[in-house]
Protein backbone atom coordinates (compact mmCIF):
# COMPACT_ATOMS: atom_id res chain seq x y z
CA MET A 1 -56.00 93.34 145.74
CA THR A 2 -59.13 95.83 145.94
CA SER A 3 -58.70 99.19 147.58
CA LEU A 4 -61.22 100.24 150.02
CA VAL A 5 -59.83 103.56 150.53
CA THR A 6 -58.04 105.78 147.52
CA ALA A 7 -56.88 109.25 148.23
CA SER A 8 -55.23 111.09 145.19
CA ASN A 9 -53.74 114.66 145.52
CA VAL A 10 -55.86 115.07 148.93
CA SER A 11 -55.44 118.45 150.69
CA LYS A 12 -57.31 120.36 153.49
CA HIS A 13 -56.31 124.12 154.19
CA PHE A 14 -57.56 126.15 157.07
CA GLY A 15 -56.68 129.43 156.19
CA LYS A 16 -53.00 129.52 155.43
CA LEU A 17 -53.01 126.26 157.72
CA ARG A 18 -52.21 123.38 155.57
CA ALA A 19 -53.71 120.50 157.63
CA VAL A 20 -53.41 117.74 154.76
CA ASP A 21 -50.94 118.75 152.17
CA ASP A 22 -51.54 116.71 148.70
CA VAL A 23 -51.87 113.37 150.03
CA SER A 24 -51.92 110.19 148.24
CA PHE A 25 -52.28 106.95 148.85
CA ASP A 26 -54.57 103.38 148.82
CA ILE A 27 -55.72 101.22 151.95
CA GLU A 28 -56.67 97.78 150.39
CA LYS A 29 -58.99 95.13 151.49
CA GLY A 30 -58.03 93.16 154.47
CA LYS A 31 -55.19 95.35 155.64
CA ILE A 32 -54.58 96.56 159.45
CA MET A 33 -52.97 100.20 158.77
CA GLY A 34 -51.45 102.07 161.29
CA LEU A 35 -51.67 106.05 160.39
CA PHE A 36 -48.98 107.38 162.53
CA GLY A 37 -47.92 111.39 163.29
CA PRO A 38 -46.82 113.74 166.14
CA ASN A 39 -49.64 116.29 167.41
CA GLY A 40 -50.98 118.60 165.10
CA ALA A 41 -49.55 116.56 162.12
CA GLY A 42 -53.05 116.32 159.99
CA LYS A 43 -54.24 112.68 161.22
CA THR A 44 -57.40 113.79 162.69
CA THR A 45 -58.13 116.21 159.87
CA LEU A 46 -57.57 113.39 157.70
CA LEU A 47 -59.58 111.02 159.55
CA LYS A 48 -62.60 113.60 159.16
CA ALA A 49 -62.15 113.54 155.63
CA LEU A 50 -62.30 109.80 155.22
CA LEU A 51 -65.46 110.04 157.68
CA GLY A 52 -67.04 112.44 155.47
CA LEU A 53 -67.28 115.09 158.26
CA THR A 54 -65.19 117.50 156.19
CA ASP A 55 -64.84 118.08 152.41
CA CYS A 56 -61.30 118.22 150.94
CA ASP A 57 -59.98 119.09 147.75
CA GLY A 58 -58.48 116.16 145.54
CA GLN A 59 -59.97 112.98 144.76
CA LEU A 60 -61.04 110.75 147.93
CA SER A 61 -63.16 107.31 147.82
CA VAL A 62 -63.86 105.14 150.47
CA LEU A 63 -65.91 102.30 149.66
CA GLY A 64 -66.03 103.50 145.94
CA LEU A 65 -68.31 106.60 147.72
CA ASP A 66 -67.49 110.16 147.72
CA PRO A 67 -67.14 110.35 151.84
CA PHE A 68 -68.38 113.95 152.34
CA LYS A 69 -71.27 113.76 149.67
CA GLN A 70 -72.67 110.49 150.57
CA ARG A 71 -72.00 110.25 154.32
CA LYS A 72 -75.15 108.46 155.13
CA GLN A 73 -74.63 105.89 152.83
CA LEU A 74 -70.64 105.38 153.61
CA MET A 75 -71.54 104.86 157.66
CA ARG A 76 -73.53 101.65 156.81
CA ASN A 77 -70.16 100.05 156.59
CA ILE A 78 -68.09 101.71 158.71
CA CYS A 79 -67.48 101.57 161.96
CA PHE A 80 -65.56 104.53 164.16
CA ILE A 81 -64.28 104.52 167.49
CA ALA A 82 -62.59 107.70 169.04
CA ASP A 83 -61.58 108.03 172.61
CA VAL A 84 -63.61 105.93 174.59
CA ALA A 85 -64.83 109.13 176.63
CA VAL A 86 -67.41 110.01 174.07
CA LEU A 87 -70.33 107.81 175.58
CA PRO A 88 -73.07 109.98 177.35
CA GLY A 89 -72.68 108.98 180.89
CA TRP A 90 -76.39 108.68 181.53
CA ILE A 91 -77.02 106.25 179.22
CA LYS A 92 -77.64 102.43 180.38
CA VAL A 93 -75.95 99.69 178.76
CA THR A 94 -79.34 98.42 177.71
CA GLN A 95 -80.41 101.37 176.43
CA LEU A 96 -77.12 101.92 174.32
CA LEU A 97 -77.64 98.74 172.76
CA ASP A 98 -81.10 99.84 172.07
CA PHE A 99 -80.25 103.09 170.50
CA THR A 100 -77.39 101.08 168.41
CA GLU A 101 -80.25 98.05 167.14
CA ALA A 102 -82.51 101.00 166.16
CA THR A 103 -80.35 102.79 163.81
CA HIS A 104 -77.55 100.61 162.43
CA PRO A 105 -78.97 98.05 160.13
CA ASN A 106 -76.00 95.86 160.38
CA PHE A 107 -75.90 95.51 163.83
CA SER A 108 -76.39 92.13 165.80
CA ARG A 109 -77.78 92.67 169.28
CA SER A 110 -76.99 89.13 170.51
CA HIS A 111 -73.15 89.37 169.20
CA ALA A 112 -72.84 92.24 171.88
CA GLU A 113 -74.66 90.86 174.60
CA GLU A 114 -72.52 87.43 174.19
CA PHE A 115 -69.16 89.50 174.53
CA LEU A 116 -70.47 91.66 177.13
CA SER A 117 -71.45 88.40 179.04
CA ARG A 118 -67.67 87.84 179.21
CA THR A 119 -66.96 90.97 181.05
CA LYS A 120 -67.66 92.95 184.51
CA VAL A 121 -70.55 95.09 182.65
CA ARG A 122 -73.68 94.64 183.86
CA PRO A 123 -76.44 95.76 181.47
CA ASP A 124 -78.12 97.63 183.99
CA ALA A 125 -74.99 99.82 184.33
CA ARG A 126 -74.99 103.70 183.49
CA VAL A 127 -71.97 104.57 181.44
CA ARG A 128 -70.96 106.89 184.22
CA GLU A 129 -70.65 103.88 186.51
CA LEU A 130 -68.01 101.88 184.63
CA SER A 131 -64.06 102.21 184.66
CA LYS A 132 -62.42 103.82 181.62
CA GLY A 133 -61.68 99.81 180.51
CA MET A 134 -64.94 98.46 180.74
CA VAL A 135 -66.44 101.58 178.76
CA ALA A 136 -63.88 100.32 176.32
CA GLN A 137 -65.26 96.72 176.33
CA LEU A 138 -68.72 98.27 175.79
CA HIS A 139 -67.68 100.08 172.90
CA LEU A 140 -65.78 97.06 171.27
CA SER A 141 -68.66 95.05 172.07
CA ILE A 142 -70.73 97.11 169.54
CA ILE A 143 -68.35 97.59 166.90
CA MET A 144 -67.62 93.73 166.71
CA SER A 145 -71.28 93.49 166.56
CA ILE A 146 -71.61 95.91 163.63
CA ASP A 147 -71.17 94.02 159.90
CA ALA A 148 -68.59 96.95 158.78
CA LYS A 149 -66.21 96.85 155.89
CA LEU A 150 -63.76 99.40 157.56
CA LEU A 151 -63.15 100.12 161.65
CA VAL A 152 -61.27 103.24 161.90
CA LEU A 153 -59.99 103.12 165.47
CA ASP A 154 -58.62 106.79 166.76
CA GLU A 155 -56.61 106.27 169.69
CA PRO A 156 -59.16 104.01 170.94
CA THR A 157 -56.88 102.84 174.24
CA LEU A 158 -56.36 106.32 175.69
CA GLY A 159 -55.88 106.27 178.87
CA LEU A 160 -56.37 102.77 179.56
CA ASP A 161 -53.81 100.32 181.87
CA PRO A 162 -51.69 98.16 179.77
CA ILE A 163 -53.86 95.08 180.64
CA PHE A 164 -56.94 96.58 179.13
CA ARG A 165 -54.99 97.70 176.10
CA LYS A 166 -53.74 94.33 175.78
CA GLU A 167 -57.03 93.01 176.12
CA PHE A 168 -58.47 95.35 173.49
CA TYR A 169 -56.11 94.66 170.82
CA SER A 170 -56.50 90.82 171.60
CA ASN A 171 -60.26 90.82 171.37
CA LEU A 172 -60.27 92.99 168.32
CA LEU A 173 -57.81 90.53 166.39
CA ASN A 174 -59.76 87.22 167.98
CA ASP A 175 -63.40 88.57 167.47
CA TYR A 176 -63.30 90.91 164.72
CA PHE A 177 -60.37 90.77 162.21
CA ASP A 178 -61.19 88.08 159.88
CA GLY A 179 -58.72 88.99 156.97
CA GLU A 180 -61.65 90.49 154.82
CA ARG A 181 -62.59 93.60 157.12
CA THR A 182 -60.31 96.52 157.07
CA ILE A 183 -58.90 98.33 160.08
CA LEU A 184 -57.45 101.72 160.03
CA ILE A 185 -55.81 102.58 163.56
CA THR A 186 -54.15 105.87 164.74
CA THR A 187 -52.56 106.13 167.98
CA HIS A 188 -49.52 107.50 170.14
CA GLN A 189 -48.74 103.68 171.56
CA VAL A 190 -47.14 102.15 168.67
CA GLU A 191 -45.00 99.77 170.07
CA GLU A 192 -48.12 98.01 171.36
CA ILE A 193 -49.74 97.67 168.03
CA GLU A 194 -46.74 97.12 165.77
CA ASN A 195 -46.98 93.20 165.61
CA ILE A 196 -50.74 93.37 164.27
CA LEU A 197 -50.18 95.70 161.59
CA THR A 198 -49.68 94.94 157.75
CA ASP A 199 -49.17 98.35 156.72
CA ILE A 200 -48.05 101.73 157.96
CA MET A 201 -48.46 105.81 157.29
CA PHE A 202 -46.35 108.31 158.41
CA ILE A 203 -47.59 111.97 158.43
CA ASN A 204 -46.07 114.97 159.86
CA ASP A 205 -47.29 118.70 158.92
CA GLY A 206 -49.78 117.34 156.44
CA ARG A 207 -47.54 115.61 154.41
CA LEU A 208 -47.31 111.72 153.96
CA LEU A 209 -43.50 110.54 154.76
CA LEU A 210 -44.28 107.11 154.40
CA ASP A 211 -46.41 104.65 153.14
CA THR A 212 -45.13 101.15 153.02
CA THR A 213 -45.67 97.32 154.23
CA MET A 214 -44.47 95.60 157.15
CA GLU A 215 -43.25 92.69 154.92
CA SER A 216 -40.85 95.72 153.23
CA LEU A 217 -39.35 97.54 156.16
CA PRO A 218 -36.29 94.69 156.40
CA GLU A 219 -35.76 95.70 152.65
CA GLN A 220 -36.00 99.61 152.89
CA PHE A 221 -34.78 100.26 156.22
CA ALA A 222 -31.41 99.73 158.26
CA GLU A 223 -30.42 100.67 161.91
CA LEU A 224 -26.86 100.77 162.33
CA VAL A 225 -25.23 100.68 165.70
CA THR A 226 -21.40 102.18 165.32
CA SER A 227 -18.45 104.42 166.89
CA GLY A 228 -15.37 105.81 166.58
CA GLU A 229 -14.14 105.67 162.84
CA ASN A 230 -16.70 103.72 161.80
CA ALA A 231 -19.37 106.38 162.43
CA GLU A 232 -17.83 108.50 160.35
CA LYS A 233 -17.49 106.44 157.62
CA ALA A 234 -21.39 105.64 158.06
CA ARG A 235 -22.40 109.61 158.19
CA ARG A 236 -20.85 109.43 154.62
CA MET A 237 -23.89 107.10 153.69
CA ASN A 238 -26.19 109.80 154.50
CA PRO A 239 -28.47 108.44 157.26
CA ILE A 240 -31.74 109.90 157.48
CA TYR A 241 -31.59 110.13 161.46
CA GLU A 242 -28.65 109.80 164.18
CA ARG A 243 -29.15 109.36 167.82
CA ASP A 244 -26.49 108.56 170.78
CA VAL A 245 -27.65 105.39 173.03
CA PHE A 246 -24.94 104.66 175.50
CA GLY A 247 -21.95 106.21 174.16
CA LYS A 248 -22.95 104.56 170.84
CA LYS A 249 -24.03 105.95 167.43
CA VAL A 250 -27.48 104.79 166.04
CA MET A 251 -28.04 105.96 162.50
CA THR A 252 -31.05 105.29 160.40
CA PHE A 253 -30.46 104.21 156.68
CA GLU A 254 -33.11 104.26 153.84
CA ASN A 255 -32.29 102.08 150.58
CA ALA A 256 -28.38 101.52 151.74
CA ASP A 257 -26.00 98.57 151.03
CA LYS A 258 -26.82 96.64 154.28
CA GLU A 259 -23.76 94.13 153.23
CA HIS A 260 -21.40 97.44 153.45
CA LEU A 261 -23.24 98.60 156.43
CA ALA A 262 -22.73 95.34 158.05
CA THR A 263 -18.76 96.23 157.85
CA LEU A 264 -19.09 98.90 160.16
CA GLY A 265 -21.28 97.75 163.00
CA GLU A 266 -24.36 95.97 163.91
CA VAL A 267 -27.10 96.49 161.69
CA HIS A 268 -31.22 95.30 162.27
CA THR A 269 -34.52 96.40 161.15
CA PRO A 270 -35.76 99.36 163.27
CA SER A 271 -38.66 98.99 165.06
CA VAL A 272 -41.99 101.28 163.88
CA VAL A 273 -41.36 103.58 166.98
CA ASP A 274 -37.62 104.13 166.03
CA LEU A 275 -38.51 104.14 162.48
CA PHE A 276 -41.04 107.06 162.88
CA VAL A 277 -38.99 108.99 164.93
CA ALA A 278 -36.21 108.80 162.38
CA LYS A 279 -38.67 109.86 159.65
CA VAL A 280 -40.25 112.78 161.44
CA LYS A 281 -37.07 114.18 163.22
CA GLY A 282 -35.13 113.93 159.58
CA ASP A 283 -38.06 115.90 157.96
CA VAL A 284 -38.15 118.61 160.60
CA ALA A 285 -34.05 118.47 160.25
């Protein structure tokens, strides 16, 4: 597979603070990567480095380019959405389309207008007159109409109700993702996008805790629900995290003998949310 993003020993320090600490990873073409971490974990700094908004130590290549030194060239093939509130309130929908058409060579205005025709967003409306859900639809209509190789989404559905969040990702998959484009998503609403991801990365305190494919999770990780003497036996197998649920012990294991675990209780593959908590809490411990 072709790597669109390659990071090798990437670091970014602010004084004594290590916002990103010796991180290495690859993001391959045609993947949907989820980047997850607690607040202050280094996600935003890493995204800024990928987008060329800050320099960094180490080697970083995005679409074969140095993002900081060749940002203008890079942005021709990248779309980026942060919190939808960033659009100026005074601008009209038609003016936003005018601006995008004039500044981005790969933008298809007809495609954006066709998408918006299926929503309640009026062409003559100003952004400040739209609900947050409508602004998200407007934002999505623009990025889906740009022929970009990499789409970066930073909390794209923040503040939206569940219906709009579901529609956002449904439209993203049905109208944008074609198996050739690559998407990088960071969000705290992990459970809402788990089923669309191909790969995941966990970051905490600037360090990469996990970089793996969704397909490999059942092989790498197991969650055991047990109690009593079996719980004591399971602890001797060194779980990475343990929690109490309705009087039962729930333990997360990495690269453990699943056949042996099955003799101690109920075994299944942890959800991405539960695995994220286990890796972060285990890292802190």
